[in-house]
Amino acid sequence: MSTAQQIRTLREHRNLSQEAFAEAIGKSRSLVAAWEAGRKEPGRDSLRAIERVFGVPMAYVLGDASEVKAIAEGAAEVTLLEMFRSADSVTQNSVLHILSLGKSKD
């Protein structure tokens, strides 16, 4: 996934408008719109702000699949993460719900 897609996905999964996302990281809405449209790339300071505010690694925002492979435990987990990230929010929420049903109750 591209950086533009990752930023939009992150924002939408948090149910934030471009304005609210921009405010959270101290940037303008027009800059966030330019990132999401692929007209501009976020700089290091912006990436750090996204990382800090939303708790996601910079590599995730940049769409770096190697980050997924480095932390995954096997091919099935890599595939699951890649498919999850490319799914729409309804599908992602459904998957999370299904997985929560299988959690052991300690």
N, C-alpha and C. Protein backbone atom coordinates (compact mmCIF):
# COMPACT_ATOMS: atom_id res chain seq x y z
N MET A 1 0.84 -1.17 0.00
CA MET A 1 0.00 0.00 0.00
C MET A 1 0.89 1.24 0.00
N SER A 2 0.50 2.26 -0.71
CA SER A 2 1.28 3.49 -0.79
C SER A 2 1.14 4.31 0.49
N THR A 3 2.03 5.27 0.64
CA THR A 3 1.97 6.17 1.79
C THR A 3 0.63 6.90 1.82
N ALA A 4 0.17 7.35 0.67
CA ALA A 4 -1.12 8.05 0.58
C ALA A 4 -2.25 7.16 1.09
N GLN A 5 -2.26 5.91 0.66
CA GLN A 5 -3.30 4.98 1.08
C GLN A 5 -3.19 4.67 2.57
N GLN A 6 -1.97 4.52 3.07
CA GLN A 6 -1.77 4.21 4.48
C GLN A 6 -2.29 5.35 5.36
N ILE A 7 -2.01 6.58 4.97
CA ILE A 7 -2.46 7.73 5.77
C ILE A 7 -3.98 7.79 5.77
N ARG A 8 -4.58 7.63 4.60
CA ARG A 8 -6.05 7.66 4.53
C ARG A 8 -6.65 6.52 5.36
N THR A 9 -6.08 5.32 5.25
CA THR A 9 -6.58 4.17 6.00
C THR A 9 -6.47 4.41 7.50
N LEU A 10 -5.34 4.91 7.94
CA LEU A 10 -5.14 5.19 9.36
C LEU A 10 -6.18 6.21 9.83
N ARG A 11 -6.35 7.27 9.08
CA ARG A 11 -7.31 8.32 9.45
C ARG A 11 -8.74 7.77 9.50
N GLU A 12 -9.11 7.00 8.48
CA GLU A 12 -10.47 6.47 8.43
C GLU A 12 -10.73 5.44 9.52
N HIS A 13 -9.72 4.63 9.84
CA HIS A 13 -9.90 3.64 10.91
C HIS A 13 -10.07 4.29 12.27
N ARG A 14 -9.57 5.49 12.40
CA ARG A 14 -9.75 6.25 13.65
C ARG A 14 -11.01 7.12 13.59
N ASN A 15 -11.76 6.99 12.49
CA ASN A 15 -12.98 7.77 12.29
C ASN A 15 -12.75 9.27 12.43
N LEU A 16 -11.68 9.74 11.80
CA LEU A 16 -11.33 11.15 11.86
C LEU A 16 -11.51 11.81 10.51
N SER A 17 -11.96 13.05 10.54
CA SER A 17 -11.97 13.85 9.32
C SER A 17 -10.53 14.26 9.02
N GLN A 18 -10.31 14.76 7.81
CA GLN A 18 -8.97 15.26 7.50
C GLN A 18 -8.61 16.40 8.45
N GLU A 19 -9.58 17.22 8.77
CA GLU A 19 -9.36 18.35 9.69
C GLU A 19 -8.93 17.86 11.07
N ALA A 20 -9.63 16.87 11.62
CA ALA A 20 -9.30 16.36 12.95
C ALA A 20 -7.94 15.66 12.95
N PHE A 21 -7.65 14.92 11.89
CA PHE A 21 -6.35 14.25 11.77
C PHE A 21 -5.24 15.29 11.74
N ALA A 22 -5.43 16.31 10.91
CA ALA A 22 -4.43 17.37 10.78
C ALA A 22 -4.21 18.08 12.11
N GLU A 23 -5.29 18.38 12.80
CA GLU A 23 -5.18 19.06 14.09
C GLU A 23 -4.40 18.20 15.10
N ALA A 24 -4.66 16.90 15.09
CA ALA A 24 -3.99 16.00 16.03
C ALA A 24 -2.47 15.98 15.84
N ILE A 25 -2.02 16.15 14.59
CA ILE A 25 -0.58 16.10 14.33
C ILE A 25 0.02 17.49 14.11
N GLY A 26 -0.79 18.51 14.26
CA GLY A 26 -0.29 19.88 14.13
C GLY A 26 0.01 20.33 12.72
N LYS A 27 -0.77 19.84 11.77
CA LYS A 27 -0.60 20.21 10.36
C LYS A 27 -1.91 20.76 9.81
N SER A 28 -1.90 21.22 8.57
CA SER A 28 -3.12 21.76 7.97
C SER A 28 -3.92 20.66 7.27
N ARG A 29 -5.23 20.88 7.15
CA ARG A 29 -6.08 19.93 6.45
C ARG A 29 -5.67 19.82 4.99
N SER A 30 -5.27 20.94 4.39
CA SER A 30 -4.89 20.90 2.98
C SER A 30 -3.63 20.05 2.77
N LEU A 31 -2.74 20.05 3.75
CA LEU A 31 -1.54 19.21 3.64
C LEU A 31 -1.92 17.73 3.74
N VAL A 32 -2.79 17.40 4.67
CA VAL A 32 -3.25 16.01 4.79
C VAL A 32 -3.95 15.59 3.49
N ALA A 33 -4.76 16.45 2.92
CA ALA A 33 -5.44 16.14 1.65
C ALA A 33 -4.42 15.89 0.55
N ALA A 34 -3.34 16.68 0.51
CA ALA A 34 -2.29 16.50 -0.50
C ALA A 34 -1.58 15.17 -0.31
N TRP A 35 -1.34 14.79 0.95
CA TRP A 35 -0.71 13.48 1.21
C TRP A 35 -1.61 12.36 0.71
N GLU A 36 -2.89 12.44 1.06
CA GLU A 36 -3.83 11.38 0.68
C GLU A 36 -4.03 11.29 -0.82
N ALA A 37 -3.88 12.40 -1.51
CA ALA A 37 -4.01 12.41 -2.97
C ALA A 37 -2.71 12.01 -3.66
N GLY A 38 -1.64 11.87 -2.89
CA GLY A 38 -0.35 11.51 -3.45
C GLY A 38 0.38 12.67 -4.11
N ARG A 39 -0.09 13.90 -3.87
CA ARG A 39 0.57 15.08 -4.45
C ARG A 39 1.81 15.48 -3.67
N LYS A 40 1.84 15.13 -2.40
CA LYS A 40 2.99 15.42 -1.54
C LYS A 40 3.27 14.22 -0.66
N GLU A 41 4.49 14.13 -0.18
CA GLU A 41 4.88 13.09 0.77
C GLU A 41 5.14 13.74 2.12
N PRO A 42 4.75 13.09 3.21
CA PRO A 42 5.03 13.68 4.52
C PRO A 42 6.52 13.68 4.80
N GLY A 43 6.99 14.75 5.42
CA GLY A 43 8.38 14.84 5.82
C GLY A 43 8.63 14.07 7.11
N ARG A 44 9.89 14.02 7.51
CA ARG A 44 10.27 13.27 8.70
C ARG A 44 9.54 13.75 9.95
N ASP A 45 9.42 15.07 10.12
CA ASP A 45 8.72 15.60 11.29
C ASP A 45 7.25 15.19 11.29
N SER A 46 6.63 15.22 10.14
CA SER A 46 5.23 14.81 10.04
C SER A 46 5.08 13.32 10.33
N LEU A 47 5.99 12.53 9.81
CA LEU A 47 5.95 11.08 10.06
C LEU A 47 6.12 10.79 11.55
N ARG A 48 7.02 11.53 12.18
CA ARG A 48 7.22 11.34 13.63
C ARG A 48 5.96 11.74 14.41
N ALA A 49 5.30 12.80 13.98
CA ALA A 49 4.07 13.23 14.66
C ALA A 49 2.98 12.16 14.51
N ILE A 50 2.84 11.59 13.31
CA ILE A 50 1.86 10.52 13.08
C ILE A 50 2.21 9.31 13.94
N GLU A 51 3.48 8.97 13.97
CA GLU A 51 3.95 7.84 14.77
C GLU A 51 3.63 8.06 16.25
N ARG A 52 3.92 9.24 16.75
CA ARG A 52 3.72 9.56 18.17
C ARG A 52 2.23 9.62 18.53
N VAL A 53 1.45 10.32 17.74
CA VAL A 53 0.04 10.54 18.07
C VAL A 53 -0.79 9.27 17.89
N PHE A 54 -0.52 8.51 16.84
CA PHE A 54 -1.36 7.36 16.52
C PHE A 54 -0.74 6.02 16.86
N GLY A 55 0.49 6.03 17.35
CA GLY A 55 1.11 4.79 17.82
C GLY A 55 1.40 3.77 16.74
N VAL A 56 1.71 4.24 15.55
CA VAL A 56 2.06 3.33 14.46
C VAL A 56 3.49 3.61 14.02
N PRO A 57 4.25 2.58 13.68
CA PRO A 57 5.63 2.81 13.24
C PRO A 57 5.70 3.58 11.93
N MET A 58 6.73 4.35 11.77
CA MET A 58 6.94 5.13 10.56
C MET A 58 6.91 4.22 9.33
N ALA A 59 7.47 3.04 9.44
CA ALA A 59 7.49 2.10 8.32
C ALA A 59 6.08 1.74 7.87
N TYR A 60 5.15 1.66 8.81
CA TYR A 60 3.76 1.37 8.46
C TYR A 60 3.18 2.50 7.62
N VAL A 61 3.42 3.74 8.05
CA VAL A 61 2.89 4.89 7.32
C VAL A 61 3.47 4.94 5.91
N LEU A 62 4.72 4.56 5.79
CA LEU A 62 5.39 4.57 4.48
C LEU A 62 4.99 3.38 3.62
N GLY A 63 4.21 2.44 4.19
CA GLY A 63 3.77 1.28 3.43
C GLY A 63 4.86 0.25 3.25
N ASP A 64 5.78 0.18 4.20
CA ASP A 64 6.92 -0.73 4.10
C ASP A 64 6.53 -2.14 4.51
N ALA A 65 6.36 -3.01 3.54
CA ALA A 65 5.98 -4.40 3.81
C ALA A 65 7.06 -5.16 4.56
N SER A 66 8.30 -4.74 4.46
CA SER A 66 9.37 -5.45 5.17
C SER A 66 9.17 -5.37 6.67
N GLU A 67 8.54 -4.31 7.15
CA GLU A 67 8.24 -4.17 8.58
C GLU A 67 7.30 -5.29 9.02
N VAL A 68 6.29 -5.59 8.20
CA VAL A 68 5.36 -6.66 8.50
C VAL A 68 6.09 -7.98 8.56
N LYS A 69 6.93 -8.23 7.57
CA LYS A 69 7.64 -9.51 7.51
C LYS A 69 8.62 -9.67 8.66
N ALA A 70 9.18 -8.58 9.15
CA ALA A 70 10.15 -8.65 10.24
C ALA A 70 9.49 -9.04 11.55
N ILE A 71 8.22 -8.67 11.75
CA ILE A 71 7.58 -8.96 13.03
C ILE A 71 6.64 -10.16 12.97
N ALA A 72 6.32 -10.62 11.78
CA ALA A 72 5.39 -11.74 11.63
C ALA A 72 6.05 -13.05 11.99
N GLU A 73 5.22 -13.98 12.44
CA GLU A 73 5.71 -15.31 12.82
C GLU A 73 5.21 -16.32 11.80
N GLY A 74 5.77 -16.30 10.62
CA GLY A 74 5.41 -17.26 9.60
C GLY A 74 4.65 -16.66 8.44
N ALA A 75 4.60 -17.42 7.36
CA ALA A 75 3.98 -16.95 6.11
C ALA A 75 2.49 -16.67 6.27
N ALA A 76 1.79 -17.48 7.07
CA ALA A 76 0.35 -17.28 7.24
C ALA A 76 0.08 -15.93 7.91
N GLU A 77 0.89 -15.56 8.87
CA GLU A 77 0.69 -14.28 9.55
C GLU A 77 1.00 -13.11 8.62
N VAL A 78 2.03 -13.24 7.80
CA VAL A 78 2.35 -12.20 6.82
C VAL A 78 1.16 -12.01 5.88
N THR A 79 0.62 -13.12 5.37
CA THR A 79 -0.52 -13.06 4.46
C THR A 79 -1.73 -12.43 5.15
N LEU A 80 -1.99 -12.82 6.39
CA LEU A 80 -3.11 -12.27 7.13
C LEU A 80 -2.96 -10.75 7.30
N LEU A 81 -1.78 -10.30 7.69
CA LEU A 81 -1.55 -8.87 7.87
C LEU A 81 -1.70 -8.10 6.56
N GLU A 82 -1.16 -8.64 5.49
CA GLU A 82 -1.26 -7.96 4.20
C GLU A 82 -2.71 -7.88 3.73
N MET A 83 -3.46 -8.98 3.91
CA MET A 83 -4.86 -9.00 3.51
C MET A 83 -5.69 -8.07 4.39
N PHE A 84 -5.41 -8.06 5.68
CA PHE A 84 -6.13 -7.20 6.61
C PHE A 84 -5.92 -5.73 6.24
N ARG A 85 -4.69 -5.37 5.96
CA ARG A 85 -4.38 -3.97 5.63
C ARG A 85 -5.01 -3.53 4.33
N SER A 86 -5.25 -4.44 3.41
CA SER A 86 -5.84 -4.05 2.13
C SER A 86 -7.36 -4.15 2.13
N ALA A 87 -7.94 -4.67 3.21
CA ALA A 87 -9.40 -4.82 3.29
C ALA A 87 -10.06 -3.50 3.68
N ASP A 88 -11.34 -3.39 3.33
CA ASP A 88 -12.09 -2.20 3.75
C ASP A 88 -12.38 -2.28 5.25
N SER A 89 -12.83 -1.18 5.83
CA SER A 89 -13.01 -1.12 7.28
C SER A 89 -14.09 -2.07 7.79
N VAL A 90 -15.13 -2.32 7.00
CA VAL A 90 -16.18 -3.25 7.42
C VAL A 90 -15.60 -4.65 7.55
N THR A 91 -14.83 -5.06 6.57
CA THR A 91 -14.20 -6.39 6.60
C THR A 91 -13.22 -6.48 7.77
N GLN A 92 -12.41 -5.45 7.97
CA GLN A 92 -11.46 -5.46 9.08
C GLN A 92 -12.19 -5.60 10.42
N ASN A 93 -13.26 -4.85 10.60
CA ASN A 93 -14.01 -4.95 11.85
C ASN A 93 -14.62 -6.34 12.03
N SER A 94 -15.09 -6.95 10.94
CA SER A 94 -15.64 -8.30 11.00
C SER A 94 -14.57 -9.31 11.40
N VAL A 95 -13.39 -9.18 10.82
CA VAL A 95 -12.28 -10.07 11.16
C VAL A 95 -11.92 -9.92 12.64
N LEU A 96 -11.82 -8.70 13.10
CA LEU A 96 -11.49 -8.47 14.51
C LEU A 96 -12.55 -9.07 15.43
N HIS A 97 -13.81 -8.95 15.04
CA HIS A 97 -14.89 -9.53 15.84
C HIS A 97 -14.77 -11.06 15.89
N ILE A 98 -14.55 -11.66 14.75
CA ILE A 98 -14.41 -13.12 14.69
C ILE A 98 -13.23 -13.58 15.55
N LEU A 99 -12.11 -12.88 15.43
CA LEU A 99 -10.95 -13.27 16.22
C LEU A 99 -11.18 -13.07 17.73
N SER A 100 -11.96 -12.06 18.08
CA SER A 100 -12.24 -11.84 19.51
C SER A 100 -13.10 -12.96 20.08
N LEU A 101 -13.91 -13.60 19.25
CA LEU A 101 -14.74 -14.72 19.71
C LEU A 101 -13.89 -15.94 20.07
N GLY A 102 -12.72 -16.04 19.42
CA GLY A 102 -11.85 -17.18 19.66
C GLY A 102 -10.83 -16.99 20.77
N LYS A 103 -10.80 -15.78 21.36
CA LYS A 103 -9.85 -15.52 22.45
C LYS A 103 -10.20 -16.35 23.65
N SER A 104 -9.17 -16.90 24.29
CA SER A 104 -9.43 -17.69 25.50
C SER A 104 -9.82 -16.75 26.63
N LYS A 105 -10.68 -17.21 27.45
CA LYS A 105 -11.16 -16.42 28.59
C LYS A 105 -10.47 -16.91 29.84
N ASP A 106 -9.49 -16.14 30.29
CA ASP A 106 -8.72 -16.53 31.48
C ASP A 106 -9.36 -16.07 32.75
